[in-house]
Protein backbone atom coordinates (compact mmCIF):
# COMPACT_ATOMS: atom_id res chain seq x y z
CA GLU A 1 0.17 -0.17 0.16
CA TYR A 2 0.99 3.43 -0.71
CA ARG A 3 0.86 6.11 1.90
CA VAL A 4 1.83 9.90 1.73
CA ILE A 5 4.96 10.55 3.68
CA ARG A 6 4.63 14.52 4.18
CA PRO A 7 2.56 17.24 2.97
CA CYS A 8 3.12 17.83 -1.02
CA LYS A 9 4.81 21.04 -2.69
CA LEU A 10 2.13 21.86 -5.54
CA TRP A 11 3.52 23.33 -8.68
CA CYS A 12 2.83 27.22 -7.66
CA ASP A 13 5.08 26.88 -4.68
CA THR A 14 8.38 28.53 -5.61
CA GLU A 15 10.44 27.75 -2.97
CA SER A 16 12.68 25.62 -4.92
CA ALA A 17 14.05 28.49 -7.30
CA GLY A 18 17.32 27.88 -6.61
CA GLU A 19 17.24 24.14 -7.36
CA ALA A 20 15.54 25.11 -10.96
CA ALA A 21 18.45 27.46 -11.47
CA GLU A 22 21.17 24.78 -10.48
CA LEU A 23 18.89 21.68 -12.87
CA ALA A 24 18.25 24.64 -15.79
CA ALA A 25 22.16 25.11 -15.90
CA GLU A 26 23.08 21.27 -15.30
CA LEU A 27 20.80 20.16 -17.85
CA GLY A 28 21.17 22.91 -20.55
CA TRP A 29 17.41 23.30 -20.84
CA GLY A 30 14.37 25.85 -19.31
CA ILE A 31 13.53 24.09 -15.65
CA VAL A 32 10.97 26.45 -13.70
CA ALA A 33 10.42 26.24 -10.30
CA SER A 34 7.15 24.96 -10.78
CA PHE A 35 8.43 21.58 -12.24
CA THR A 36 8.21 18.53 -9.76
CA ALA A 37 12.24 17.84 -10.75
CA THR A 38 12.81 21.07 -8.57
CA LYS A 39 10.56 19.69 -5.88
CA LEU A 40 12.45 16.57 -5.77
CA LEU A 41 15.72 18.00 -5.52
CA TRP A 42 14.09 20.32 -2.69
CA LEU A 43 13.02 17.63 -0.46
CA LYS A 44 16.27 15.47 -0.86
CA ARG A 45 17.93 18.61 0.44
CA ASN A 46 15.99 20.30 3.07
CA HIS A 47 14.32 16.51 4.32
CA PRO A 48 16.80 13.90 3.51
CA ASP A 49 14.78 11.66 6.01
CA ASP A 50 11.75 12.00 4.11
CA TYR A 51 12.99 11.68 0.66
CA GLY A 52 15.14 8.33 1.91
CA ARG A 53 11.79 7.14 2.94
CA MET A 54 10.12 7.86 -0.54
CA ALA A 55 9.55 4.44 -2.53
CA HIS A 56 7.09 6.20 -5.41
CA VAL A 57 6.64 9.94 -7.13
CA ALA A 58 3.06 10.68 -7.70
CA LEU A 59 1.48 14.02 -8.54
CA PRO A 60 -1.69 14.77 -6.43
CA HIS A 61 -4.02 13.15 -8.87
CA ASP A 62 -2.14 10.43 -9.84
CA TYR A 63 -2.08 9.54 -5.93
CA LEU A 64 -6.00 9.98 -6.30
CA ASN A 65 -6.37 7.82 -9.08
CA TYR A 66 -4.15 5.13 -7.39
CA VAL A 67 -7.02 5.33 -4.22
CA LEU A 68 -9.72 4.74 -6.81
CA THR A 69 -8.11 2.23 -9.40
CA GLY A 70 -5.18 0.26 -7.10
CA GLU A 71 -2.49 1.78 -10.18
CA LEU A 72 0.03 4.11 -10.39
CA VAL A 73 0.50 5.60 -13.49
CA MET A 74 0.82 9.01 -15.08
CA GLU A 75 0.06 10.07 -18.33
CA CYS A 76 2.61 11.63 -20.56
CA GLY A 77 1.15 15.48 -20.87
CA ASP A 78 0.96 15.52 -16.96
CA ALA A 79 4.95 14.16 -17.06
CA SER A 80 6.11 16.43 -19.08
CA GLY A 81 5.74 19.32 -16.44
CA THR A 82 7.89 17.31 -14.02
CA GLY A 83 11.33 18.42 -15.68
CA LEU A 84 12.03 14.59 -16.24
CA LEU A 85 10.44 13.35 -19.32
CA ASP A 86 12.06 13.23 -22.62
CA THR A 87 9.29 14.62 -24.68
CA SER A 88 10.61 13.21 -28.13
CA ALA A 89 10.66 9.56 -26.54
CA ARG A 90 7.88 9.97 -24.50
CA ALA A 91 9.78 8.11 -21.64
CA TRP A 92 11.47 9.22 -18.41
CA SER A 93 14.74 11.18 -19.32
CA VAL A 94 17.75 9.13 -17.66
CA GLU A 95 20.01 11.97 -17.68
CA ALA A 96 17.44 14.57 -16.31
CA VAL A 97 16.44 11.83 -13.40
CA ALA A 98 20.53 11.49 -12.49
CA THR A 99 20.66 14.99 -11.59
CA ILE A 100 18.83 14.41 -8.68
CA ASP A 101 19.26 10.70 -8.12
CA GLU A 102 19.99 8.14 -10.01
CA ALA A 103 17.70 5.68 -7.72
CA LEU A 104 14.46 8.26 -8.80
CA LEU A 105 14.09 6.34 -11.61
CA GLY A 106 12.57 3.26 -10.05
CA LYS A 107 10.42 5.40 -8.05
CA LEU A 108 8.48 7.20 -11.06
CA PRO A 109 5.55 5.50 -12.28
CA ARG A 110 4.78 3.68 -15.61
CA LEU A 111 3.91 6.23 -18.02
CA ILE A 112 0.59 5.82 -20.12
């Protein structure tokens, strides 16, 4: 059973602006503070115990879908707003994910 570890940072939270600038510089493409990638890096740095307990990543509506259906998945359109999707391949970007944590790839939901 999947359980929420802590309150989530929603897309409109800009506390991770520093992480956004860092990821954008490292990856060479525009990453803004509203992307999930910035929130994950912020969580890893500011709440490492919670980050360490994290087994899965889900957007709020993906978690609700899991509760209703028992399946944790993410639609590619939503995944494009995470900053972790290779939009051309419609797959998670190994490079982008690795900038945060190589183990993170196994925690992202299946894309549909």
